[in-house]
Amino acid sequence: MALAACGGGTPAAPDAPSTSLGGDRFVELQTPPNVDASKRYPLVVILHGYGATGILQQLFLGMRDTAEQHDAFVLAPDGMVDSTGKHFWNADPACCDFDKSGVDDVAYLGGLIDQVMAQWPIDPKRVIVIGHSNGGFMAYRLACARADVVTSIGVLAGAAPSTPSSCTPSQPVALLHMHGTADETIAYGGGPVAPNVTAPGAIASVAQWAGYLGCTGARADGATLDLVGELPGAETTTSSTGGCPAGGAADLWTIAGGVHEPTFSPNFQPALWTWLDAHARP
């Protein structure tokens, strides 16, 4: 916000970058410490689940301090509020514009990204969208519509578009889909979410994305990870699709016994960031 000069102080330049974005749908841009205009920084957009908020989603994912920890710009916006008083994203017919408001969240979120990239030293190879549940659906939709700027998405307990033909990404976008096998809200194996609308499951979502990318190989298992504190041992199996184009990926982390809102261990956030770091756009 602009502050009037007083006591002989020097006012900010009219074209100084702003951290207050979104207009009526306000969101505060979180910035890394000591921004250097000669450097380029990642931009991370965190999208909440149905009924949550941006700040709650950051806390749930252990990403409240991402700007400081990873020298990144961070946006954690809130969706519109529906007739039941819950925040939502209009991401897909399956989830979660249940009032049929038709709000254009692609335009809103894409506009935020465009504004930040125009005003701040953002690395165009590292524009990352992370979403949980409804936010995961929205991350997929944003990657479909704005692959010109979105370079990778991390989806927890979401799903790919319920109408596959509606997605036509203009460039490869790297996908990491994370899902618990005991999720009773957005089922790991897929199923109805809204009346007469079926969301694809985790494996089908990853396969769908691999199809958009034109990946030519099969999905193969990799390392196992211990990411969820409430589950014993290394409960998460990683897998990657082979033959994907440069800048593209279709990876799946299956959390055996994981529920819709797992209690992550301190291992989760570093593991997620390691994957994101490895999947910058070429």
Protein backbone atom coordinates (compact mmCIF):
# COMPACT_ATOMS: atom_id res chain seq x y z
CA MET A 1 0.00 0.00 0.00
CA ALA A 2 1.20 3.47 -0.78
CA LEU A 3 2.24 5.49 2.26
CA ALA A 4 2.21 9.27 2.23
CA ALA A 5 5.57 10.86 2.89
CA CYS A 6 5.86 12.74 6.17
CA GLY A 7 8.51 14.58 8.13
CA GLY A 8 10.68 15.08 5.06
CA GLY A 9 10.81 11.36 4.21
CA THR A 10 11.26 10.19 0.63
CA PRO A 11 8.15 8.61 -0.92
CA ALA A 12 8.41 5.32 -2.76
CA ALA A 13 8.86 5.57 -6.50
CA PRO A 14 5.56 5.38 -8.36
CA ASP A 15 6.66 2.26 -10.19
CA ALA A 16 8.01 0.46 -7.10
CA PRO A 17 6.99 -3.22 -7.06
CA SER A 18 3.98 -3.97 -4.90
CA THR A 19 3.39 -6.86 -2.54
CA SER A 20 -0.34 -6.12 -2.29
CA LEU A 21 -2.05 -7.90 -5.16
CA GLY A 22 -5.43 -9.11 -6.30
CA GLY A 23 -7.56 -5.98 -5.88
CA ASP A 24 -10.87 -6.98 -4.27
CA ARG A 25 -9.46 -10.52 -3.92
CA PHE A 26 -6.48 -9.35 -1.94
CA VAL A 27 -3.37 -11.46 -1.37
CA GLU A 28 -0.04 -10.42 0.09
CA LEU A 29 3.05 -11.52 -1.83
CA GLN A 30 5.63 -13.10 0.47
CA THR A 31 9.14 -12.12 -0.60
CA PRO A 32 12.56 -13.59 0.10
CA PRO A 33 14.87 -11.59 2.35
CA ASN A 34 17.20 -9.11 0.68
CA VAL A 35 15.83 -9.34 -2.86
CA ASP A 36 18.59 -8.81 -5.41
CA ALA A 37 17.30 -7.48 -8.73
CA SER A 38 20.22 -9.11 -10.53
CA LYS A 39 19.09 -12.60 -9.42
CA ARG A 40 16.11 -14.70 -10.49
CA TYR A 41 13.90 -16.36 -7.88
CA PRO A 42 11.30 -19.13 -7.94
CA LEU A 43 7.62 -18.22 -7.58
CA VAL A 44 5.51 -20.66 -5.57
CA VAL A 45 1.70 -20.50 -5.63
CA ILE A 46 0.00 -22.52 -2.86
CA LEU A 47 -3.68 -23.38 -3.38
CA HIS A 48 -5.84 -24.42 -0.45
CA GLY A 49 -8.41 -27.19 -0.26
CA TYR A 50 -12.17 -26.65 -0.07
CA GLY A 51 -13.09 -24.77 3.10
CA ALA A 52 -9.49 -23.88 3.99
CA THR A 53 -7.45 -20.71 3.40
CA GLY A 54 -4.08 -19.93 1.93
CA ILE A 55 -2.35 -19.46 5.27
CA LEU A 56 -3.88 -22.65 6.69
CA GLN A 57 -2.67 -24.54 3.63
CA GLN A 58 0.86 -23.25 4.09
CA LEU A 59 0.84 -24.38 7.71
CA PHE A 60 -0.58 -27.81 6.81
CA LEU A 61 2.13 -28.38 4.19
CA GLY A 62 4.90 -27.05 6.41
CA MET A 63 5.55 -24.25 3.91
CA ARG A 64 4.88 -21.15 6.02
CA ASP A 65 8.57 -20.16 5.85
CA THR A 66 9.20 -21.08 2.21
CA ALA A 67 10.11 -17.52 1.23
CA GLU A 68 12.94 -17.46 3.77
CA GLN A 69 13.98 -21.12 3.63
CA HIS A 70 14.17 -21.40 -0.15
CA ASP A 71 14.72 -17.81 -1.25
CA ALA A 72 11.42 -17.78 -3.11
CA PHE A 73 8.46 -15.54 -3.77
CA VAL A 74 5.24 -17.09 -2.44
CA LEU A 75 1.55 -16.49 -3.07
CA ALA A 76 -1.06 -18.22 -0.90
CA PRO A 77 -4.36 -16.72 -2.12
CA ASP A 78 -7.90 -17.48 -0.96
CA GLY A 79 -10.68 -18.69 -3.22
CA MET A 80 -14.13 -17.12 -3.29
CA VAL A 81 -16.61 -17.89 -0.51
CA ASP A 82 -19.66 -19.99 -1.38
CA SER A 83 -23.17 -20.00 0.07
CA THR A 84 -22.06 -22.26 2.94
CA GLY A 85 -19.28 -19.85 3.94
CA LYS A 86 -16.44 -21.99 2.60
CA HIS A 87 -13.58 -20.90 0.36
CA PHE A 88 -13.41 -22.73 -2.98
CA TRP A 89 -11.75 -22.79 -6.38
CA ASN A 90 -13.77 -23.22 -9.58
CA ALA A 91 -11.37 -25.86 -10.80
CA ASP A 92 -13.40 -28.58 -12.50
CA PRO A 93 -17.02 -29.75 -12.79
CA ALA A 94 -16.07 -32.27 -10.09
CA CYS A 95 -14.78 -29.68 -7.60
CA CYS A 96 -15.71 -27.29 -6.14
CA ASP A 97 -17.97 -24.53 -7.51
CA PHE A 98 -21.03 -26.22 -6.05
CA ASP A 99 -23.13 -23.02 -6.37
CA LYS A 100 -22.36 -22.79 -10.11
CA SER A 101 -21.04 -19.25 -9.71
CA GLY A 102 -18.82 -19.55 -12.77
CA VAL A 103 -16.02 -17.49 -11.21
CA ASP A 104 -12.97 -17.47 -13.48
CA ASP A 105 -10.18 -18.58 -11.17
CA VAL A 106 -7.84 -19.26 -14.08
CA ALA A 107 -8.01 -15.57 -14.95
CA TYR A 108 -7.57 -14.54 -11.30
CA LEU A 109 -4.62 -16.80 -10.53
CA GLY A 110 -3.03 -16.34 -13.93
CA GLY A 111 -3.33 -12.59 -13.49
CA LEU A 112 -1.57 -12.78 -10.12
CA ILE A 113 1.28 -14.76 -11.65
CA ASP A 114 1.57 -12.35 -14.59
CA GLN A 115 1.65 -9.35 -12.24
CA VAL A 116 4.35 -10.82 -10.00
CA MET A 117 6.47 -11.82 -12.98
CA ALA A 118 6.16 -8.33 -14.48
CA GLN A 119 7.19 -6.55 -11.27
CA TRP A 120 9.68 -8.85 -9.56
CA PRO A 121 12.81 -10.83 -10.63
CA ILE A 122 11.10 -14.20 -11.11
CA ASP A 123 12.86 -17.12 -12.77
CA PRO A 124 10.52 -18.11 -15.64
CA LYS A 125 11.86 -21.67 -15.40
CA ARG A 126 10.58 -22.07 -11.83
CA VAL A 127 6.94 -21.03 -11.53
CA ILE A 128 5.49 -23.69 -9.24
CA VAL A 129 1.88 -24.37 -8.26
CA ILE A 130 1.16 -26.60 -5.24
CA GLY A 131 -2.41 -27.56 -4.37
CA HIS A 132 -4.27 -29.80 -1.94
CA SER A 133 -7.65 -31.37 -2.73
CA ASN A 134 -9.73 -28.63 -4.43
CA GLY A 135 -6.44 -26.74 -4.78
CA GLY A 136 -4.97 -29.82 -6.46
CA PHE A 137 -7.78 -29.81 -9.03
CA MET A 138 -7.05 -26.10 -9.54
CA ALA A 139 -3.32 -26.73 -9.99
CA TYR A 140 -4.12 -29.16 -12.80
CA ARG A 141 -6.49 -26.66 -14.42
CA LEU A 142 -3.98 -23.84 -14.20
CA ALA A 143 -1.30 -26.04 -15.76
CA CYS A 144 -3.72 -26.89 -18.56
CA ALA A 145 -4.58 -23.27 -19.30
CA ARG A 146 -1.37 -21.40 -18.41
CA ALA A 147 1.46 -23.73 -19.32
CA ASP A 148 3.06 -20.66 -20.86
CA VAL A 149 4.03 -19.59 -17.34
CA VAL A 150 3.44 -22.56 -15.00
CA THR A 151 6.45 -24.89 -15.12
CA SER A 152 5.59 -27.54 -12.51
CA ILE A 153 2.73 -28.58 -10.24
CA GLY A 154 2.61 -30.54 -7.02
CA VAL A 155 -0.82 -32.04 -6.36
CA LEU A 156 -1.87 -33.64 -3.07
CA ALA A 157 -5.18 -35.55 -3.05
CA GLY A 158 -6.52 -33.84 -6.16
CA ALA A 159 -7.33 -35.11 -9.64
CA ALA A 160 -6.75 -34.38 -13.31
CA PRO A 161 -9.60 -32.88 -15.37
CA SER A 162 -12.78 -34.95 -15.33
CA THR A 163 -13.12 -34.15 -19.05
CA PRO A 164 -9.69 -35.00 -20.46
CA SER A 165 -10.28 -33.20 -23.76
CA SER A 166 -10.68 -29.90 -21.88
CA CYS A 167 -6.94 -29.75 -21.18
CA THR A 168 -4.50 -28.66 -23.88
CA PRO A 169 -1.25 -27.49 -22.26
CA SER A 170 0.82 -25.38 -24.65
CA GLN A 171 4.14 -26.53 -23.17
CA PRO A 172 5.34 -29.45 -21.05
CA VAL A 173 4.62 -29.00 -17.34
CA ALA A 174 6.17 -31.31 -14.75
CA LEU A 175 3.65 -33.08 -12.48
CA LEU A 176 4.09 -34.65 -9.05
CA HIS A 177 0.84 -36.25 -7.89
CA MET A 178 0.75 -37.33 -4.21
CA HIS A 179 -2.16 -39.38 -2.89
CA GLY A 180 -3.03 -41.61 0.03
CA THR A 181 -4.59 -45.00 -0.61
CA ALA A 182 -6.99 -44.54 2.32
CA ASP A 183 -8.31 -41.16 1.13
CA GLU A 184 -12.10 -41.23 1.60
CA THR A 185 -12.71 -37.71 0.24
CA ILE A 186 -10.97 -37.86 -3.14
CA ALA A 187 -10.52 -41.58 -3.61
CA TYR A 188 -7.12 -42.86 -4.70
CA GLY A 189 -8.87 -45.07 -7.26
CA GLY A 190 -11.19 -42.33 -8.50
CA GLY A 191 -14.95 -42.01 -8.30
CA PRO A 192 -17.84 -39.55 -8.03
CA VAL A 193 -17.13 -36.23 -6.33
CA ALA A 194 -20.00 -34.04 -7.54
CA PRO A 195 -23.39 -35.30 -8.80
CA ASN A 196 -22.92 -37.08 -12.13
CA VAL A 197 -19.21 -36.16 -12.26
CA THR A 198 -16.45 -38.71 -11.74
CA ALA A 199 -12.89 -37.66 -10.95
CA PRO A 200 -10.04 -39.84 -12.19
CA GLY A 201 -7.96 -41.59 -9.56
CA ALA A 202 -4.30 -41.00 -8.85
CA ILE A 203 -2.92 -43.52 -11.34
CA ALA A 204 -5.38 -42.41 -14.02
CA SER A 205 -4.56 -38.74 -13.38
CA VAL A 206 -0.85 -39.35 -13.85
CA ALA A 207 -1.49 -41.42 -16.97
CA GLN A 208 -3.72 -38.65 -18.32
CA TRP A 209 -0.99 -36.09 -17.78
CA ALA A 210 1.59 -38.38 -19.39
CA GLY A 211 -0.72 -38.51 -22.40
CA TYR A 212 -0.85 -34.72 -22.64
CA LEU A 213 2.94 -34.62 -22.52
CA GLY A 214 3.41 -37.39 -25.05
CA CYS A 215 5.48 -39.53 -22.70
CA THR A 216 6.50 -42.77 -24.43
CA GLY A 217 7.56 -44.96 -21.49
CA ALA A 218 5.89 -46.86 -18.70
CA ARG A 219 5.67 -45.77 -15.09
CA ALA A 220 8.38 -47.39 -12.94
CA ASP A 221 8.77 -47.48 -9.16
CA GLY A 222 11.63 -45.68 -7.48
CA ALA A 223 12.70 -45.07 -3.91
CA THR A 224 10.43 -45.32 -0.88
CA LEU A 225 10.11 -42.36 1.47
CA ASP A 226 9.04 -41.84 5.08
CA LEU A 227 6.86 -38.73 4.85
CA VAL A 228 3.89 -39.31 7.17
CA GLY A 229 4.51 -39.34 10.90
CA GLU A 230 1.34 -41.27 11.76
CA LEU A 231 2.31 -44.22 9.53
CA PRO A 232 5.18 -46.60 10.33
CA GLY A 233 8.23 -46.92 8.11
CA ALA A 234 8.75 -45.71 4.57
CA GLU A 235 5.08 -45.66 3.57
CA THR A 236 5.39 -43.66 0.34
CA THR A 237 6.32 -45.33 -2.95
CA THR A 238 7.65 -43.04 -5.66
CA SER A 239 7.26 -43.71 -9.38
CA SER A 240 8.11 -41.86 -12.58
CA THR A 241 6.85 -42.14 -16.15
CA GLY A 242 9.54 -42.76 -18.73
CA GLY A 243 10.04 -41.06 -22.06
CA CYS A 244 8.61 -37.67 -21.12
CA PRO A 245 9.80 -34.58 -23.03
CA ALA A 246 12.29 -32.11 -21.56
CA GLY A 247 10.55 -30.03 -18.92
CA GLY A 248 7.77 -32.57 -18.52
CA ALA A 249 7.21 -35.24 -15.87
CA ALA A 250 4.35 -37.45 -14.74
CA ASP A 251 5.37 -38.73 -11.30
CA LEU A 252 3.28 -40.37 -8.59
CA TRP A 253 3.94 -40.68 -4.86
CA THR A 254 1.57 -43.26 -3.38
CA ILE A 255 1.11 -42.95 0.38
CA ALA A 256 0.13 -46.44 1.58
CA GLY A 257 -2.57 -45.97 4.21
CA GLY A 258 -2.53 -42.21 3.77
CA VAL A 259 -5.75 -40.27 4.38
CA HIS A 260 -7.01 -37.05 2.78
CA GLU A 261 -5.17 -34.85 5.27
CA PRO A 262 -2.10 -36.81 6.37
CA THR A 263 0.07 -35.65 9.26
CA PHE A 264 3.37 -35.08 7.51
CA SER A 265 6.71 -35.65 9.17
CA PRO A 266 9.55 -33.09 8.94
CA ASN A 267 10.81 -35.13 5.96
CA PHE A 268 7.94 -34.07 3.71
CA GLN A 269 8.77 -30.49 2.88
CA PRO A 270 12.47 -31.14 2.04
CA ALA A 271 11.51 -34.12 -0.14
CA LEU A 272 8.93 -32.07 -2.01
CA TRP A 273 11.35 -29.20 -2.53
CA THR A 274 14.06 -31.57 -3.78
CA TRP A 275 11.63 -32.83 -6.44
CA LEU A 276 10.64 -29.29 -7.43
CA ASP A 277 14.27 -28.20 -7.65
CA ALA A 278 14.98 -31.11 -9.99
CA HIS A 279 12.10 -30.20 -12.33
CA ALA A 280 12.76 -26.67 -13.44
CA ARG A 281 11.90 -25.93 -17.07
CA PRO A 282 14.97 -26.28 -19.32
